[in-house]
N, C-alpha and C. Protein backbone atom coordinates (compact mmCIF):
# COMPACT_ATOMS: atom_id res chain seq x y z
N SER A 1 0.85 -1.19 0.00
CA SER A 1 0.00 0.00 0.00
C SER A 1 0.88 1.24 0.00
N LYS A 2 0.44 2.25 -0.74
CA LYS A 2 1.22 3.48 -0.83
C LYS A 2 0.95 4.36 0.37
N ALA A 3 2.00 4.98 0.86
CA ALA A 3 1.85 5.88 2.00
C ALA A 3 1.06 7.11 1.58
N ILE A 4 0.23 7.60 2.48
CA ILE A 4 -0.49 8.84 2.21
C ILE A 4 0.53 9.98 2.23
N THR A 5 0.44 10.83 1.23
CA THR A 5 1.40 11.92 1.12
C THR A 5 0.67 13.24 1.02
N THR A 6 1.32 14.29 1.48
CA THR A 6 0.75 15.62 1.32
C THR A 6 1.19 16.22 0.00
N ASN A 7 1.99 15.47 -0.75
CA ASN A 7 2.52 15.99 -2.00
C ASN A 7 1.55 15.85 -3.15
N TYR A 8 1.66 16.77 -4.09
CA TYR A 8 0.94 16.68 -5.35
C TYR A 8 1.82 15.94 -6.34
N ILE A 9 1.22 15.02 -7.09
CA ILE A 9 1.94 14.24 -8.08
C ILE A 9 1.58 14.78 -9.47
N ILE A 10 2.60 15.13 -10.24
CA ILE A 10 2.40 15.61 -11.59
C ILE A 10 2.93 14.54 -12.53
N GLU A 11 2.02 13.96 -13.32
CA GLU A 11 2.38 12.88 -14.25
C GLU A 11 2.30 13.41 -15.68
N ILE A 12 3.35 13.17 -16.43
CA ILE A 12 3.40 13.60 -17.83
C ILE A 12 3.46 12.35 -18.69
N THR A 13 2.40 12.15 -19.48
CA THR A 13 2.28 10.94 -20.28
C THR A 13 1.89 11.33 -21.71
N GLY A 14 1.73 10.32 -22.56
CA GLY A 14 1.34 10.54 -23.94
C GLY A 14 2.23 9.75 -24.86
N THR A 15 2.69 10.41 -25.93
CA THR A 15 3.53 9.74 -26.91
C THR A 15 4.89 9.42 -26.31
N ASN A 16 5.23 8.13 -26.25
CA ASN A 16 6.46 7.71 -25.59
C ASN A 16 7.68 8.40 -26.18
N SER A 17 8.56 8.88 -25.32
CA SER A 17 9.83 9.53 -25.62
C SER A 17 9.68 10.94 -26.21
N LEU A 18 8.44 11.44 -26.32
CA LEU A 18 8.23 12.83 -26.73
C LEU A 18 8.88 13.75 -25.69
N GLU A 19 9.65 14.72 -26.15
CA GLU A 19 10.33 15.63 -25.23
C GLU A 19 9.44 16.82 -24.88
N PHE A 20 9.63 17.31 -23.67
CA PHE A 20 8.85 18.45 -23.20
C PHE A 20 9.74 19.37 -22.38
N MET A 21 9.25 20.57 -22.15
CA MET A 21 9.90 21.52 -21.27
C MET A 21 8.82 22.29 -20.56
N GLY A 22 9.17 22.97 -19.48
CA GLY A 22 8.17 23.76 -18.80
C GLY A 22 8.59 24.12 -17.40
N SER A 23 7.59 24.39 -16.56
CA SER A 23 7.87 24.72 -15.18
C SER A 23 6.82 24.08 -14.29
N ILE A 24 7.25 23.70 -13.09
CA ILE A 24 6.34 23.16 -12.09
C ILE A 24 6.65 23.84 -10.78
N GLY A 25 5.66 23.92 -9.92
CA GLY A 25 5.93 24.51 -8.62
C GLY A 25 4.71 24.54 -7.75
N GLY A 26 4.91 25.05 -6.55
CA GLY A 26 3.83 25.19 -5.59
C GLY A 26 4.13 26.33 -4.65
N GLY A 27 3.08 26.89 -4.09
CA GLY A 27 3.25 27.96 -3.13
C GLY A 27 3.85 29.23 -3.73
N GLY A 28 3.71 29.39 -5.04
CA GLY A 28 4.19 30.60 -5.67
C GLY A 28 5.61 30.54 -6.19
N SER A 29 6.32 29.45 -5.94
CA SER A 29 7.67 29.31 -6.50
C SER A 29 7.67 28.19 -7.51
N SER A 30 8.50 28.32 -8.55
CA SER A 30 8.52 27.29 -9.57
C SER A 30 9.94 27.00 -10.00
N ARG A 31 10.09 25.86 -10.65
CA ARG A 31 11.40 25.49 -11.20
C ARG A 31 11.21 24.98 -12.61
N SER A 32 12.22 25.21 -13.43
CA SER A 32 12.16 24.75 -14.81
C SER A 32 12.49 23.27 -14.88
N ILE A 33 11.79 22.59 -15.77
CA ILE A 33 12.07 21.17 -15.98
C ILE A 33 12.13 20.90 -17.48
N GLU A 34 12.81 19.84 -17.85
CA GLU A 34 12.68 19.29 -19.19
C GLU A 34 12.97 17.82 -19.12
N GLY A 35 12.39 17.11 -20.06
CA GLY A 35 12.55 15.67 -20.03
C GLY A 35 11.80 15.04 -21.18
N SER A 36 11.50 13.75 -21.04
CA SER A 36 10.73 13.07 -22.07
C SER A 36 9.71 12.16 -21.41
N ILE A 37 8.63 11.93 -22.13
CA ILE A 37 7.52 11.11 -21.65
C ILE A 37 7.97 9.65 -21.55
N PRO A 38 7.63 8.95 -20.48
CA PRO A 38 6.82 9.39 -19.34
C PRO A 38 7.70 9.98 -18.24
N ALA A 39 7.11 10.84 -17.42
CA ALA A 39 7.85 11.45 -16.31
C ALA A 39 6.88 11.77 -15.18
N THR A 40 7.40 11.75 -13.96
CA THR A 40 6.60 12.06 -12.78
C THR A 40 7.37 13.00 -11.88
N TYR A 41 6.69 14.00 -11.36
CA TYR A 41 7.30 14.97 -10.45
C TYR A 41 6.41 15.13 -9.23
N GLU A 42 7.02 15.61 -8.15
CA GLU A 42 6.25 15.89 -6.95
C GLU A 42 6.42 17.35 -6.57
N VAL A 43 5.32 17.94 -6.10
CA VAL A 43 5.32 19.32 -5.61
C VAL A 43 4.65 19.30 -4.25
N SER A 44 5.27 19.96 -3.27
CA SER A 44 4.74 19.84 -1.91
C SER A 44 3.83 20.98 -1.49
N ASP A 45 3.96 22.15 -2.10
CA ASP A 45 3.19 23.30 -1.62
C ASP A 45 1.99 23.61 -2.51
N TRP A 46 0.94 24.14 -1.87
CA TRP A 46 -0.27 24.55 -2.57
C TRP A 46 -0.19 26.03 -2.87
N PRO A 47 -0.73 26.51 -4.00
CA PRO A 47 -1.28 25.69 -5.08
C PRO A 47 -0.20 25.12 -5.98
N ALA A 48 -0.35 23.88 -6.36
CA ALA A 48 0.60 23.25 -7.27
C ALA A 48 0.19 23.55 -8.70
N VAL A 49 1.16 23.94 -9.51
CA VAL A 49 0.88 24.31 -10.89
C VAL A 49 1.96 23.71 -11.79
N ALA A 50 1.54 23.27 -12.98
CA ALA A 50 2.50 22.82 -13.99
C ALA A 50 2.12 23.43 -15.33
N VAL A 51 3.12 23.98 -16.02
CA VAL A 51 2.94 24.51 -17.36
C VAL A 51 3.95 23.78 -18.24
N ILE A 52 3.47 22.92 -19.13
CA ILE A 52 4.34 22.03 -19.89
C ILE A 52 4.11 22.21 -21.38
N GLN A 53 5.20 22.29 -22.13
CA GLN A 53 5.13 22.46 -23.58
C GLN A 53 5.82 21.32 -24.31
N LYS A 54 5.17 20.85 -25.37
CA LYS A 54 5.78 19.86 -26.26
C LYS A 54 6.96 20.49 -26.98
N LYS A 55 8.05 19.74 -27.10
CA LYS A 55 9.19 20.21 -27.87
C LYS A 55 9.16 19.55 -29.25
N GLY A 56 8.06 19.76 -29.97
CA GLY A 56 7.93 19.15 -31.28
C GLY A 56 6.56 19.34 -31.87
N GLU A 57 6.44 19.01 -33.15
CA GLU A 57 5.17 19.19 -33.85
C GLU A 57 4.20 18.06 -33.60
N TYR A 58 4.73 16.84 -33.47
CA TYR A 58 3.86 15.66 -33.49
C TYR A 58 3.75 15.01 -32.13
N GLY A 59 2.71 14.21 -31.98
CA GLY A 59 2.54 13.46 -30.74
C GLY A 59 1.56 14.14 -29.80
N THR A 60 1.26 13.43 -28.72
CA THR A 60 0.29 13.89 -27.74
C THR A 60 0.95 13.99 -26.37
N LEU A 61 0.60 15.05 -25.65
CA LEU A 61 1.12 15.30 -24.32
C LEU A 61 -0.05 15.44 -23.36
N THR A 62 -0.03 14.66 -22.29
CA THR A 62 -1.05 14.76 -21.26
C THR A 62 -0.37 15.04 -19.93
N VAL A 63 -0.90 16.02 -19.20
CA VAL A 63 -0.37 16.33 -17.88
C VAL A 63 -1.51 16.20 -16.87
N LYS A 64 -1.25 15.40 -15.83
CA LYS A 64 -2.25 15.15 -14.80
C LYS A 64 -1.66 15.56 -13.45
N ILE A 65 -2.50 16.12 -12.60
CA ILE A 65 -2.07 16.42 -11.24
C ILE A 65 -3.03 15.74 -10.28
N SER A 66 -2.45 15.06 -9.29
CA SER A 66 -3.28 14.33 -8.34
C SER A 66 -2.70 14.47 -6.94
N LYS A 67 -3.53 14.16 -5.97
CA LYS A 67 -3.10 14.15 -4.57
C LYS A 67 -3.77 12.97 -3.89
N ASN A 68 -2.96 12.14 -3.24
CA ASN A 68 -3.48 10.96 -2.55
C ASN A 68 -4.34 10.11 -3.48
N GLY A 69 -3.94 10.02 -4.75
CA GLY A 69 -4.65 9.19 -5.69
C GLY A 69 -5.89 9.80 -6.30
N ARG A 70 -6.20 11.04 -5.92
CA ARG A 70 -7.40 11.70 -6.45
C ARG A 70 -7.01 12.70 -7.52
N MET A 71 -7.54 12.53 -8.74
CA MET A 71 -7.22 13.42 -9.84
C MET A 71 -7.80 14.80 -9.61
N LEU A 72 -6.95 15.82 -9.72
CA LEU A 72 -7.41 17.19 -9.53
C LEU A 72 -7.57 17.92 -10.85
N ASP A 73 -6.71 17.63 -11.80
CA ASP A 73 -6.77 18.31 -13.09
C ASP A 73 -6.03 17.47 -14.12
N SER A 74 -6.49 17.54 -15.36
CA SER A 74 -5.84 16.81 -16.44
C SER A 74 -6.07 17.58 -17.73
N GLN A 75 -5.00 17.78 -18.50
CA GLN A 75 -5.12 18.48 -19.77
C GLN A 75 -4.27 17.74 -20.79
N THR A 76 -4.74 17.76 -22.04
CA THR A 76 -4.04 17.08 -23.13
C THR A 76 -3.92 18.02 -24.32
N THR A 77 -2.79 17.94 -25.04
CA THR A 77 -2.65 18.67 -26.29
C THR A 77 -2.00 17.76 -27.33
N SER A 78 -2.47 17.90 -28.56
CA SER A 78 -1.78 17.25 -29.67
C SER A 78 -1.34 18.32 -30.68
N ALA A 79 -1.47 19.58 -30.27
CA ALA A 79 -1.08 20.68 -31.15
C ALA A 79 0.44 20.74 -31.32
N SER A 80 0.86 21.29 -32.43
CA SER A 80 2.30 21.50 -32.66
C SER A 80 2.85 22.42 -31.59
N TYR A 81 3.87 21.96 -30.87
CA TYR A 81 4.47 22.74 -29.77
C TYR A 81 3.42 23.19 -28.76
N GLY A 82 2.42 22.34 -28.56
CA GLY A 82 1.30 22.70 -27.68
C GLY A 82 1.71 22.84 -26.23
N VAL A 83 0.96 23.67 -25.51
CA VAL A 83 1.20 23.93 -24.09
C VAL A 83 -0.03 23.52 -23.30
N VAL A 84 0.19 22.89 -22.15
CA VAL A 84 -0.91 22.60 -21.23
C VAL A 84 -0.57 23.17 -19.86
N THR A 85 -1.61 23.61 -19.16
CA THR A 85 -1.47 24.11 -17.80
C THR A 85 -2.44 23.36 -16.90
N VAL A 86 -1.93 22.81 -15.81
CA VAL A 86 -2.79 22.17 -14.82
C VAL A 86 -2.47 22.75 -13.46
N SER A 87 -3.48 22.74 -12.58
CA SER A 87 -3.25 23.26 -11.23
C SER A 87 -4.07 22.49 -10.22
N SER A 88 -3.68 22.60 -8.98
CA SER A 88 -4.37 21.89 -7.91
C SER A 88 -5.64 22.63 -7.50
N GLY A 89 -5.88 23.80 -8.05
CA GLY A 89 -7.11 24.54 -7.79
C GLY A 89 -7.03 25.39 -6.54
């Protein structure tokens, strides 16, 4: 069983190995990230926000934010160099 956490989980999924860049953060501070799908990050402070951009024309990017297994927000883009923003609300 997974331990209950106060952290927000940001999952980036979609087209395998698609590269992305963006920023994630909580409590008003953010950090830049880049990587490739799939990827998972944790943010501890509220409100948690992620702004993620595809580094390419093709493929699909989905960003989900959850806490304790409960989905708070999910956005998907298949647009060229598309950007998605999710937040913990």
